[in-house]
Each structure stands twice: as C-alpha cells, then as structure tokens.
N, C-alpha and C. Protein backbone atom coordinates (compact mmCIF):
# COMPACT_ATOMS: atom_id res chain seq x y z
N MET A 1 4.31 -22.82 22.23
CA MET A 1 4.47 -23.46 20.93
C MET A 1 3.16 -23.39 20.14
N CYS A 2 2.04 -23.58 20.83
CA CYS A 2 0.74 -23.49 20.14
C CYS A 2 0.52 -22.09 19.58
N TYR A 3 0.93 -21.07 20.34
CA TYR A 3 0.78 -19.68 19.89
C TYR A 3 1.60 -19.45 18.62
N ILE A 4 2.85 -19.92 18.60
CA ILE A 4 3.71 -19.77 17.42
C ILE A 4 3.11 -20.49 16.22
N LEU A 5 2.63 -21.71 16.44
CA LEU A 5 2.04 -22.48 15.33
C LEU A 5 0.77 -21.81 14.80
N ALA A 6 -0.01 -21.24 15.71
CA ALA A 6 -1.22 -20.52 15.27
C ALA A 6 -0.84 -19.32 14.41
N ASN A 7 0.21 -18.61 14.80
CA ASN A 7 0.65 -17.47 14.00
C ASN A 7 1.26 -17.92 12.68
N LEU A 8 1.96 -19.02 12.67
CA LEU A 8 2.44 -19.57 11.40
C LEU A 8 1.27 -19.86 10.47
N GLY A 9 0.19 -20.39 11.04
CA GLY A 9 -1.01 -20.65 10.23
C GLY A 9 -1.59 -19.39 9.63
N THR A 10 -1.63 -18.29 10.41
CA THR A 10 -2.19 -17.05 9.88
C THR A 10 -1.26 -16.43 8.83
N VAL A 11 0.06 -16.55 9.03
CA VAL A 11 1.01 -16.05 8.03
C VAL A 11 0.84 -16.82 6.72
N TRP A 12 0.73 -18.14 6.84
CA TRP A 12 0.55 -18.95 5.63
C TRP A 12 -0.80 -18.62 4.97
N TRP A 13 -1.87 -18.52 5.74
CA TRP A 13 -3.20 -18.24 5.19
C TRP A 13 -3.20 -16.90 4.44
N ALA A 14 -2.59 -15.88 5.04
CA ALA A 14 -2.53 -14.57 4.39
C ALA A 14 -1.75 -14.65 3.08
N SER A 15 -0.76 -15.54 3.01
CA SER A 15 0.05 -15.65 1.80
C SER A 15 -0.74 -16.21 0.62
N THR A 16 -1.89 -16.81 0.91
CA THR A 16 -2.70 -17.41 -0.15
C THR A 16 -3.86 -16.53 -0.58
N ARG A 17 -4.05 -15.38 0.08
CA ARG A 17 -5.20 -14.51 -0.18
C ARG A 17 -4.95 -13.68 -1.43
N HIS A 18 -5.96 -13.55 -2.26
CA HIS A 18 -5.87 -12.68 -3.44
C HIS A 18 -7.19 -11.93 -3.54
N ASP A 19 -7.28 -10.85 -2.80
CA ASP A 19 -8.50 -10.06 -2.71
C ASP A 19 -8.42 -8.90 -3.70
N SER A 20 -9.30 -8.90 -4.68
CA SER A 20 -9.31 -7.81 -5.67
C SER A 20 -10.53 -6.92 -5.48
N THR A 21 -10.97 -6.79 -4.22
CA THR A 21 -12.06 -5.87 -3.88
C THR A 21 -11.70 -4.46 -4.35
N ARG A 22 -12.68 -3.72 -4.86
CA ARG A 22 -12.45 -2.34 -5.24
C ARG A 22 -12.16 -1.51 -3.98
N VAL A 23 -11.06 -0.79 -4.00
CA VAL A 23 -10.62 0.01 -2.86
C VAL A 23 -10.21 1.39 -3.34
N GLN A 24 -9.73 2.20 -2.42
CA GLN A 24 -9.33 3.56 -2.77
C GLN A 24 -7.87 3.66 -3.24
N ALA A 25 -7.03 2.74 -2.79
CA ALA A 25 -5.61 2.80 -3.18
C ALA A 25 -4.97 1.42 -3.11
N ILE A 26 -4.00 1.22 -3.99
CA ILE A 26 -3.13 0.04 -3.96
C ILE A 26 -1.83 0.50 -3.31
N VAL A 27 -1.37 -0.20 -2.29
CA VAL A 27 -0.13 0.15 -1.61
C VAL A 27 0.90 -0.93 -1.89
N VAL A 28 2.01 -0.53 -2.50
CA VAL A 28 3.10 -1.46 -2.83
C VAL A 28 4.21 -1.29 -1.81
N LEU A 29 4.51 -2.34 -1.07
CA LEU A 29 5.59 -2.28 -0.09
C LEU A 29 6.93 -2.31 -0.81
N GLY A 30 7.84 -1.45 -0.38
CA GLY A 30 9.13 -1.32 -1.03
C GLY A 30 10.03 -2.53 -0.80
N ALA A 31 11.03 -2.64 -1.66
CA ALA A 31 12.10 -3.63 -1.56
C ALA A 31 13.31 -3.00 -2.26
N ALA A 32 14.39 -3.72 -2.31
CA ALA A 32 15.63 -3.16 -2.83
C ALA A 32 15.49 -2.63 -4.25
N GLN A 33 16.26 -1.57 -4.50
CA GLN A 33 16.41 -1.06 -5.87
C GLN A 33 17.91 -0.86 -6.10
N TYR A 34 18.30 -0.94 -7.35
CA TYR A 34 19.71 -0.81 -7.70
C TYR A 34 19.88 0.33 -8.69
N ASN A 35 20.35 1.47 -8.19
CA ASN A 35 20.60 2.64 -9.02
C ASN A 35 19.38 3.02 -9.86
N GLY A 36 18.21 2.96 -9.23
CA GLY A 36 16.97 3.35 -9.89
C GLY A 36 16.21 2.23 -10.55
N SER A 37 16.78 1.04 -10.58
CA SER A 37 16.08 -0.12 -11.17
C SER A 37 15.58 -1.03 -10.06
N PRO A 38 14.30 -1.37 -10.05
CA PRO A 38 13.78 -2.27 -9.02
C PRO A 38 14.47 -3.63 -9.05
N SER A 39 14.73 -4.17 -7.87
CA SER A 39 15.22 -5.55 -7.77
C SER A 39 14.16 -6.50 -8.32
N PRO A 40 14.50 -7.74 -8.62
CA PRO A 40 13.48 -8.69 -9.09
C PRO A 40 12.31 -8.83 -8.13
N ASP A 41 12.59 -8.76 -6.83
CA ASP A 41 11.54 -8.86 -5.82
C ASP A 41 10.59 -7.66 -5.92
N LEU A 42 11.14 -6.46 -6.00
CA LEU A 42 10.31 -5.26 -6.12
C LEU A 42 9.58 -5.23 -7.45
N ALA A 43 10.25 -5.64 -8.53
CA ALA A 43 9.60 -5.65 -9.85
C ALA A 43 8.39 -6.58 -9.86
N ALA A 44 8.48 -7.71 -9.15
CA ALA A 44 7.33 -8.63 -9.08
C ALA A 44 6.16 -7.97 -8.36
N ARG A 45 6.43 -7.24 -7.30
CA ARG A 45 5.38 -6.52 -6.59
C ARG A 45 4.75 -5.45 -7.48
N LEU A 46 5.60 -4.72 -8.20
CA LEU A 46 5.10 -3.65 -9.07
C LEU A 46 4.27 -4.21 -10.22
N GLN A 47 4.71 -5.32 -10.79
CA GLN A 47 3.95 -5.93 -11.88
C GLN A 47 2.56 -6.33 -11.40
N HIS A 48 2.48 -6.86 -10.20
CA HIS A 48 1.18 -7.26 -9.66
C HIS A 48 0.30 -6.03 -9.41
N ALA A 49 0.91 -4.98 -8.85
CA ALA A 49 0.15 -3.74 -8.62
C ALA A 49 -0.34 -3.15 -9.94
N LEU A 50 0.49 -3.21 -10.97
CA LEU A 50 0.10 -2.71 -12.29
C LEU A 50 -1.11 -3.47 -12.82
N GLU A 51 -1.10 -4.79 -12.65
CA GLU A 51 -2.24 -5.61 -13.10
C GLU A 51 -3.51 -5.23 -12.34
N LEU A 52 -3.39 -5.03 -11.02
CA LEU A 52 -4.56 -4.62 -10.23
C LEU A 52 -5.07 -3.26 -10.68
N TYR A 53 -4.16 -2.34 -10.93
CA TYR A 53 -4.55 -1.00 -11.39
C TYR A 53 -5.28 -1.10 -12.73
N ARG A 54 -4.74 -1.89 -13.64
CA ARG A 54 -5.37 -2.03 -14.96
C ARG A 54 -6.73 -2.71 -14.88
N GLU A 55 -6.92 -3.55 -13.85
CA GLU A 55 -8.22 -4.20 -13.63
C GLU A 55 -9.22 -3.25 -12.99
N GLY A 56 -8.79 -2.07 -12.59
CA GLY A 56 -9.69 -1.10 -11.97
C GLY A 56 -9.91 -1.29 -10.50
N VAL A 57 -8.98 -2.00 -9.82
CA VAL A 57 -9.12 -2.24 -8.38
C VAL A 57 -9.07 -0.94 -7.60
N ALA A 58 -8.24 0.01 -8.04
CA ALA A 58 -8.13 1.31 -7.36
C ALA A 58 -7.63 2.35 -8.34
N PRO A 59 -7.98 3.62 -8.10
CA PRO A 59 -7.53 4.69 -8.99
C PRO A 59 -6.16 5.27 -8.62
N THR A 60 -5.61 4.83 -7.50
CA THR A 60 -4.36 5.39 -6.98
C THR A 60 -3.42 4.27 -6.59
N ILE A 61 -2.13 4.47 -6.85
CA ILE A 61 -1.10 3.52 -6.41
C ILE A 61 -0.14 4.27 -5.50
N VAL A 62 0.12 3.70 -4.33
CA VAL A 62 1.11 4.25 -3.40
C VAL A 62 2.34 3.36 -3.45
N VAL A 63 3.50 3.97 -3.70
CA VAL A 63 4.76 3.23 -3.66
C VAL A 63 5.55 3.71 -2.45
N THR A 64 6.23 2.78 -1.79
CA THR A 64 6.86 3.10 -0.51
C THR A 64 8.34 2.75 -0.52
N GLY A 65 9.04 3.36 0.40
CA GLY A 65 10.43 2.98 0.65
C GLY A 65 11.41 4.12 0.46
N GLY A 66 12.27 4.28 1.45
CA GLY A 66 13.31 5.30 1.42
C GLY A 66 14.55 4.81 0.71
N ARG A 67 15.68 5.38 1.11
CA ARG A 67 16.95 5.03 0.47
C ARG A 67 17.95 4.58 1.53
N GLU A 68 18.86 3.73 1.11
CA GLU A 68 19.98 3.37 1.96
C GLU A 68 21.04 4.46 1.85
N PRO A 69 21.88 4.62 2.86
CA PRO A 69 22.93 5.65 2.78
C PRO A 69 23.76 5.51 1.50
N GLY A 70 23.91 6.63 0.79
CA GLY A 70 24.70 6.62 -0.44
C GLY A 70 23.90 6.35 -1.70
N ASP A 71 22.66 5.88 -1.57
CA ASP A 71 21.84 5.61 -2.75
C ASP A 71 21.33 6.92 -3.35
N PRO A 72 21.40 7.07 -4.67
CA PRO A 72 20.85 8.28 -5.29
C PRO A 72 19.33 8.23 -5.44
N TYR A 73 18.73 7.05 -5.36
CA TYR A 73 17.29 6.89 -5.54
C TYR A 73 16.66 6.25 -4.31
N THR A 74 15.40 6.61 -4.05
CA THR A 74 14.63 5.89 -3.04
C THR A 74 13.95 4.70 -3.72
N GLU A 75 13.52 3.74 -2.92
CA GLU A 75 12.74 2.62 -3.46
C GLU A 75 11.47 3.15 -4.11
N ALA A 76 10.84 4.15 -3.48
CA ALA A 76 9.60 4.71 -4.02
C ALA A 76 9.83 5.37 -5.37
N GLU A 77 10.94 6.10 -5.52
CA GLU A 77 11.24 6.75 -6.79
C GLU A 77 11.46 5.72 -7.89
N ALA A 78 12.22 4.67 -7.60
CA ALA A 78 12.45 3.62 -8.58
C ALA A 78 11.13 2.96 -8.97
N SER A 79 10.26 2.76 -7.98
CA SER A 79 8.96 2.14 -8.24
C SER A 79 8.08 3.04 -9.10
N ALA A 80 8.03 4.33 -8.76
CA ALA A 80 7.21 5.27 -9.52
C ALA A 80 7.68 5.35 -10.97
N ASP A 81 8.99 5.40 -11.17
CA ASP A 81 9.53 5.45 -12.53
C ASP A 81 9.18 4.19 -13.32
N TRP A 82 9.25 3.03 -12.66
CA TRP A 82 8.92 1.76 -13.30
C TRP A 82 7.45 1.76 -13.75
N LEU A 83 6.56 2.20 -12.88
CA LEU A 83 5.14 2.25 -13.22
C LEU A 83 4.86 3.26 -14.33
N ALA A 84 5.49 4.44 -14.25
CA ALA A 84 5.27 5.47 -15.27
C ALA A 84 5.74 4.99 -16.64
N ALA A 85 6.83 4.24 -16.67
CA ALA A 85 7.34 3.72 -17.94
C ALA A 85 6.38 2.72 -18.57
N ARG A 86 5.43 2.21 -17.78
CA ARG A 86 4.44 1.25 -18.28
C ARG A 86 3.06 1.88 -18.41
N GLY A 87 3.03 3.20 -18.45
CA GLY A 87 1.80 3.89 -18.79
C GLY A 87 0.95 4.38 -17.63
N VAL A 88 1.40 4.22 -16.40
CA VAL A 88 0.62 4.72 -15.27
C VAL A 88 0.89 6.22 -15.14
N PRO A 89 -0.14 7.04 -15.16
CA PRO A 89 0.08 8.50 -15.04
C PRO A 89 0.74 8.86 -13.71
N GLN A 90 1.72 9.74 -13.77
CA GLN A 90 2.39 10.18 -12.54
C GLN A 90 1.39 10.76 -11.54
N SER A 91 0.29 11.33 -12.05
CA SER A 91 -0.68 11.98 -11.17
C SER A 91 -1.41 11.01 -10.25
N VAL A 92 -1.39 9.72 -10.56
CA VAL A 92 -2.09 8.75 -9.71
C VAL A 92 -1.12 7.97 -8.82
N ILE A 93 0.17 8.30 -8.90
CA ILE A 93 1.18 7.61 -8.10
C ILE A 93 1.57 8.49 -6.92
N LEU A 94 1.33 8.01 -5.71
CA LEU A 94 1.76 8.70 -4.50
C LEU A 94 3.02 8.02 -3.98
N ARG A 95 3.94 8.81 -3.44
CA ARG A 95 5.24 8.29 -3.01
C ARG A 95 5.47 8.51 -1.52
N GLU A 96 5.85 7.45 -0.84
CA GLU A 96 6.31 7.53 0.56
C GLU A 96 7.81 7.27 0.47
N VAL A 97 8.64 8.29 0.73
CA VAL A 97 10.07 8.19 0.42
C VAL A 97 11.00 8.16 1.64
N ASP A 98 10.44 8.09 2.84
CA ASP A 98 11.28 8.17 4.03
C ASP A 98 11.41 6.88 4.82
N GLY A 99 10.51 5.92 4.62
CA GLY A 99 10.49 4.72 5.45
C GLY A 99 11.73 3.86 5.28
N ARG A 100 12.27 3.40 6.41
CA ARG A 100 13.44 2.51 6.38
C ARG A 100 13.05 1.08 6.73
N ASP A 101 11.80 0.88 7.17
CA ASP A 101 11.30 -0.47 7.44
C ASP A 101 9.80 -0.48 7.17
N THR A 102 9.19 -1.63 7.33
CA THR A 102 7.77 -1.77 7.00
C THR A 102 6.91 -0.84 7.85
N TRP A 103 7.19 -0.79 9.16
CA TRP A 103 6.39 0.08 10.04
C TRP A 103 6.49 1.54 9.60
N GLU A 104 7.72 2.04 9.43
CA GLU A 104 7.89 3.44 9.06
C GLU A 104 7.19 3.77 7.75
N SER A 105 7.32 2.89 6.77
CA SER A 105 6.68 3.13 5.47
C SER A 105 5.17 3.18 5.59
N LEU A 106 4.59 2.23 6.31
CA LEU A 106 3.13 2.21 6.44
C LEU A 106 2.63 3.32 7.36
N ASP A 107 3.40 3.69 8.36
CA ASP A 107 3.01 4.79 9.24
C ASP A 107 2.92 6.09 8.44
N ALA A 108 3.94 6.38 7.65
CA ALA A 108 3.92 7.59 6.82
C ALA A 108 2.83 7.52 5.76
N THR A 109 2.66 6.34 5.16
CA THR A 109 1.63 6.16 4.15
C THR A 109 0.25 6.40 4.74
N ALA A 110 -0.02 5.82 5.90
CA ALA A 110 -1.33 5.99 6.54
C ALA A 110 -1.61 7.45 6.83
N ALA A 111 -0.58 8.20 7.25
CA ALA A 111 -0.77 9.61 7.57
C ALA A 111 -1.23 10.39 6.34
N PHE A 112 -0.56 10.20 5.19
CA PHE A 112 -0.99 11.00 4.04
C PHE A 112 -2.24 10.44 3.38
N LEU A 113 -2.53 9.15 3.55
CA LEU A 113 -3.81 8.63 3.04
C LEU A 113 -4.98 9.15 3.87
N HIS A 114 -4.82 9.17 5.20
CA HIS A 114 -5.90 9.71 6.04
C HIS A 114 -6.17 11.17 5.69
N ALA A 115 -5.10 11.93 5.41
CA ALA A 115 -5.28 13.35 5.05
C ALA A 115 -6.08 13.49 3.75
N ARG A 116 -6.03 12.46 2.90
CA ARG A 116 -6.79 12.46 1.64
C ARG A 116 -8.11 11.71 1.77
N ARG A 117 -8.49 11.35 2.99
CA ARG A 117 -9.71 10.59 3.29
C ARG A 117 -9.73 9.23 2.58
N ILE A 118 -8.57 8.63 2.48
CA ILE A 118 -8.43 7.28 1.92
C ILE A 118 -8.21 6.32 3.07
N GLN A 119 -9.05 5.28 3.14
CA GLN A 119 -8.93 4.29 4.21
C GLN A 119 -8.77 2.87 3.67
N SER A 120 -9.50 2.55 2.61
CA SER A 120 -9.47 1.16 2.12
C SER A 120 -8.34 0.98 1.11
N VAL A 121 -7.52 -0.04 1.35
CA VAL A 121 -6.34 -0.27 0.53
C VAL A 121 -6.18 -1.76 0.23
N VAL A 122 -5.53 -2.03 -0.89
CA VAL A 122 -5.03 -3.37 -1.18
C VAL A 122 -3.52 -3.32 -0.96
N LEU A 123 -3.00 -4.24 -0.17
CA LEU A 123 -1.58 -4.29 0.14
C LEU A 123 -0.90 -5.31 -0.75
N VAL A 124 0.13 -4.86 -1.48
CA VAL A 124 0.87 -5.73 -2.39
C VAL A 124 2.29 -5.90 -1.86
N SER A 125 2.64 -7.15 -1.60
CA SER A 125 3.98 -7.48 -1.16
C SER A 125 4.22 -8.95 -1.51
N ASP A 126 5.29 -9.52 -0.96
CA ASP A 126 5.52 -10.95 -1.14
C ASP A 126 4.55 -11.73 -0.25
N PRO A 127 4.21 -12.95 -0.64
CA PRO A 127 3.21 -13.70 0.13
C PRO A 127 3.52 -13.82 1.62
N TYR A 128 4.77 -14.12 1.98
CA TYR A 128 5.12 -14.32 3.38
C TYR A 128 4.97 -13.04 4.21
N HIS A 129 4.93 -11.89 3.59
CA HIS A 129 4.92 -10.59 4.26
C HIS A 129 3.51 -10.08 4.56
N GLU A 130 2.51 -10.67 3.93
CA GLU A 130 1.17 -10.09 3.92
C GLU A 130 0.48 -10.02 5.29
N GLU A 131 0.62 -11.03 6.12
CA GLU A 131 -0.06 -10.99 7.43
C GLU A 131 0.45 -9.84 8.28
N ARG A 132 1.77 -9.66 8.30
CA ARG A 132 2.32 -8.58 9.12
C ARG A 132 1.91 -7.21 8.58
N VAL A 133 1.97 -7.02 7.26
CA VAL A 133 1.60 -5.71 6.73
C VAL A 133 0.12 -5.44 6.97
N LYS A 134 -0.71 -6.49 6.93
CA LYS A 134 -2.14 -6.31 7.24
C LYS A 134 -2.32 -5.84 8.67
N LEU A 135 -1.64 -6.49 9.61
CA LEU A 135 -1.79 -6.14 11.02
C LEU A 135 -1.27 -4.73 11.30
N ILE A 136 -0.16 -4.35 10.66
CA ILE A 136 0.36 -2.99 10.83
C ILE A 136 -0.65 -1.98 10.29
N ALA A 137 -1.17 -2.25 9.08
CA ALA A 137 -2.14 -1.33 8.47
C ALA A 137 -3.37 -1.17 9.36
N GLN A 138 -3.85 -2.26 9.94
CA GLN A 138 -4.99 -2.18 10.85
C GLN A 138 -4.64 -1.35 12.08
N GLU A 139 -3.45 -1.54 12.62
CA GLU A 139 -3.01 -0.78 13.79
C GLU A 139 -2.97 0.72 13.48
N LEU A 140 -2.73 1.06 12.21
CA LEU A 140 -2.63 2.46 11.77
C LEU A 140 -3.95 3.03 11.27
N GLY A 141 -5.03 2.27 11.41
CA GLY A 141 -6.35 2.78 11.07
C GLY A 141 -6.76 2.64 9.62
N LEU A 142 -6.05 1.82 8.85
CA LEU A 142 -6.44 1.55 7.47
C LEU A 142 -7.34 0.31 7.43
N LEU A 143 -8.07 0.16 6.32
CA LEU A 143 -8.90 -1.02 6.09
C LEU A 143 -8.23 -1.84 4.99
N PRO A 144 -7.38 -2.81 5.38
CA PRO A 144 -6.56 -3.49 4.38
C PRO A 144 -7.21 -4.73 3.78
N HIS A 145 -6.92 -4.92 2.49
CA HIS A 145 -7.20 -6.16 1.77
C HIS A 145 -5.86 -6.67 1.26
N LEU A 146 -5.75 -7.96 1.05
CA LEU A 146 -4.46 -8.55 0.71
C LEU A 146 -4.44 -9.07 -0.72
N SER A 147 -3.33 -8.80 -1.42
CA SER A 147 -3.14 -9.36 -2.75
C SER A 147 -1.64 -9.52 -3.00
N PRO A 148 -1.06 -10.60 -2.50
CA PRO A 148 0.38 -10.80 -2.69
C PRO A 148 0.73 -11.11 -4.14
N THR A 149 1.94 -10.73 -4.52
CA THR A 149 2.40 -11.09 -5.85
C THR A 149 2.51 -12.60 -6.00
N THR A 150 2.22 -13.09 -7.18
CA THR A 150 2.34 -14.53 -7.45
C THR A 150 3.63 -14.85 -8.18
N THR A 151 4.44 -13.82 -8.46
CA THR A 151 5.66 -14.05 -9.26
C THR A 151 6.92 -13.70 -8.48
N SER A 152 6.84 -13.69 -7.17
CA SER A 152 8.02 -13.38 -6.37
C SER A 152 9.15 -14.35 -6.69
N PRO A 153 10.38 -13.85 -6.81
CA PRO A 153 11.51 -14.76 -7.02
C PRO A 153 11.85 -15.57 -5.77
N ILE A 154 11.27 -15.17 -4.63
CA ILE A 154 11.51 -15.91 -3.38
C ILE A 154 10.37 -16.89 -3.22
N ARG A 155 10.64 -18.15 -3.55
CA ARG A 155 9.58 -19.17 -3.51
C ARG A 155 10.19 -20.52 -3.17
N GLY A 156 9.32 -21.48 -2.96
CA GLY A 156 9.78 -22.83 -2.62
C GLY A 156 10.55 -22.83 -1.30
N LEU A 157 11.62 -23.63 -1.25
CA LEU A 157 12.41 -23.73 -0.02
C LEU A 157 13.08 -22.41 0.34
N ALA A 158 13.36 -21.57 -0.66
CA ALA A 158 13.98 -20.28 -0.37
C ALA A 158 13.08 -19.40 0.48
N ALA A 159 11.77 -19.63 0.44
CA ALA A 159 10.83 -18.80 1.20
C ALA A 159 10.70 -19.24 2.65
N VAL A 160 11.18 -20.43 3.00
CA VAL A 160 10.99 -20.96 4.36
C VAL A 160 11.57 -20.03 5.43
N PRO A 161 12.82 -19.53 5.28
CA PRO A 161 13.33 -18.62 6.32
C PRO A 161 12.50 -17.33 6.44
N TYR A 162 11.94 -16.87 5.33
CA TYR A 162 11.12 -15.66 5.37
C TYR A 162 9.80 -15.91 6.11
N PHE A 163 9.21 -17.07 5.88
CA PHE A 163 7.99 -17.42 6.63
C PHE A 163 8.30 -17.55 8.12
N ALA A 164 9.47 -18.12 8.46
CA ALA A 164 9.85 -18.25 9.87
C ALA A 164 10.04 -16.87 10.51
N LYS A 165 10.74 -15.96 9.80
CA LYS A 165 10.96 -14.61 10.31
C LYS A 165 9.64 -13.87 10.50
N GLU A 166 8.76 -13.96 9.51
CA GLU A 166 7.47 -13.27 9.62
C GLU A 166 6.62 -13.85 10.75
N THR A 167 6.68 -15.16 10.95
CA THR A 167 5.94 -15.78 12.04
C THR A 167 6.42 -15.23 13.38
N LEU A 168 7.74 -15.11 13.54
CA LEU A 168 8.30 -14.54 14.76
C LEU A 168 7.84 -13.10 14.95
N GLU A 169 7.92 -12.30 13.88
CA GLU A 169 7.54 -10.90 13.98
C GLU A 169 6.06 -10.73 14.28
N VAL A 170 5.21 -11.53 13.65
CA VAL A 170 3.77 -11.46 13.94
C VAL A 170 3.51 -11.89 15.38
N SER A 171 4.19 -12.93 15.83
CA SER A 171 3.99 -13.41 17.20
C SER A 171 4.37 -12.35 18.23
N VAL A 172 5.50 -11.69 18.03
CA VAL A 172 5.94 -10.65 18.97
C VAL A 172 5.09 -9.39 18.81
N GLY A 173 4.83 -8.99 17.56
CA GLY A 173 4.08 -7.77 17.30
C GLY A 173 2.67 -7.80 17.85
N ARG A 174 2.05 -8.96 17.84
CA ARG A 174 0.70 -9.07 18.39
C ARG A 174 0.69 -8.83 19.89
N ILE A 175 1.81 -9.05 20.55
CA ILE A 175 1.90 -8.84 22.00
C ILE A 175 2.34 -7.41 22.30
N THR A 176 3.38 -6.93 21.61
CA THR A 176 3.97 -5.63 21.93
C THR A 176 3.34 -4.48 21.15
N GLY A 177 2.68 -4.78 20.05
CA GLY A 177 2.29 -3.76 19.09
C GLY A 177 3.41 -3.60 18.09
N PHE A 178 3.07 -3.28 16.85
CA PHE A 178 4.08 -3.26 15.80
C PHE A 178 4.94 -2.01 15.83
N ARG A 179 4.42 -0.92 16.37
CA ARG A 179 5.26 0.28 16.56
C ARG A 179 6.39 -0.06 17.52
N ALA A 180 6.06 -0.67 18.64
CA ALA A 180 7.08 -1.03 19.63
C ALA A 180 8.08 -2.02 19.04
N LEU A 181 7.60 -2.94 18.22
CA LEU A 181 8.49 -3.91 17.59
C LEU A 181 9.51 -3.22 16.69
N SER A 182 9.05 -2.25 15.91
CA SER A 182 9.95 -1.51 15.03
C SER A 182 10.96 -0.71 15.85
N HIS A 183 10.52 -0.07 16.93
CA HIS A 183 11.42 0.71 17.77
C HIS A 183 12.44 -0.19 18.46
N LEU A 184 11.99 -1.38 18.87
CA LEU A 184 12.91 -2.34 19.51
C LEU A 184 14.02 -2.71 18.54
N ASP A 185 13.65 -2.98 17.30
CA ASP A 185 14.65 -3.37 16.31
C ASP A 185 15.63 -2.23 16.04
N ARG A 186 15.10 -0.99 15.93
CA ARG A 186 15.99 0.14 15.68
C ARG A 186 16.93 0.36 16.86
N GLY A 187 16.43 0.09 18.07
CA GLY A 187 17.28 0.22 19.26
C GLY A 187 18.45 -0.75 19.25
N TRP A 188 18.27 -1.86 18.54
CA TRP A 188 19.34 -2.85 18.42
C TRP A 188 20.11 -2.65 17.11
N GLY A 189 19.89 -1.52 16.45
CA GLY A 189 20.61 -1.23 15.22
C GLY A 189 20.15 -2.08 14.05
N GLY A 190 18.92 -2.61 14.12
CA GLY A 190 18.41 -3.44 13.03
C GLY A 190 18.92 -4.86 13.07
N ASP A 191 19.70 -5.20 14.12
CA ASP A 191 20.30 -6.53 14.18
C ASP A 191 19.29 -7.64 14.39
N LEU A 192 18.12 -7.29 14.90
CA LEU A 192 17.11 -8.33 15.13
C LEU A 192 16.41 -8.72 13.83
N GLY A 193 16.53 -7.87 12.81
CA GLY A 193 15.85 -8.16 11.54
C GLY A 193 14.36 -7.99 11.62
N LEU A 194 13.89 -7.20 12.58
CA LEU A 194 12.46 -7.00 12.76
C LEU A 194 12.05 -5.66 12.19
N GLY A 195 10.72 -5.41 12.17
CA GLY A 195 10.24 -4.12 11.70
C GLY A 195 9.99 -4.19 10.28
C-alpha cells in the first residue's frame, strides 16, 4: 500500500510540473481524432505545444499516434494538420504514425529522434499521464522535461479514474519495465487498459 501511495504521489507531482526549459523537440502524445479533427483532449495538448513552440522552447514538434482500424487519418496526421493550420511550418513537424499505445509511440519517436541526434524533449500530454510518459522516455534514452496541458477537458472528479489508472501503470511499470507492460497488455488484447 505504501508503494502504491508513493507512486500516486509521483503521478500527482508530475501533473503539476510546467518545465519550459529550452530543449531540442516538443513531443505531443496522441489522443483520439475524428475524421482528421483532433478530439478536445488532443486539441488541448496541441494548443499547449503550439504555445511552447511560439515561446521558443524548441525548434521542432513531434506529433504521435497511429490510426484505429478503418480510420482514414492517423492521430499524428490530424495533429500535424492542426498545427500547420495555425502557422507552424510543416518542415518543423515530425510525425510518428504507427504507435497504438504510449509505449509504441514513444519507442518509435525515440528511434527517429536518436537518429537526428535529438535527446532533450518536452513531453506534452494530460497532467495525469506525465509521470508515465517521463519514465518511458527515460527508459528509451531520452532526456525528458514535463509540461502538461492546463486546458484538458478531463479535470476535477472526471480525472480521478485516470489518476488511478496511471498510478497502477506506473507501479507495475517500475517493476516490470514499461516495454514489458505494453507487451503484457497487448497479450491480453488491450483489455488491461495498460500501455
């Protein structure tokens, strides 16, 4: 119980961090898109990344996320289009288009960032998600800083189940490693809600 509570504390602490250290890239974790339009959750992440980019936090934005079966667009494509429509040059937007979960997206992202000699990143996601994405990024050899969106539509009591889920995933992932956690979830057909 003490271990779970300690991890809840780190998940909550990460949710309050807003690090605008100058880095090499801003990484936006994907979320649902609807026929090429970002969901409110994804739009909040993109708006925050756009603000960081305009502040000069990084010269590059990485958008992540694949597609669900039958979708004509990936999460990354919807995100890139949203950013481009707001004046971000396509040349500074990198796309990770294959990931089906957080681990897969960050694993693929880390591979192409390392190939470009990019290590330091700011991770943009919902507040409850930040501790796990930080730990995954560290496991993949990135140097992560945290800057969760402040305008997520998931807030207040609605965020409680998400904090509980992330606490469980951080608690298990710290023991098994996050790659193993993602593979475990895929082995169960995603029914565990992990990864």
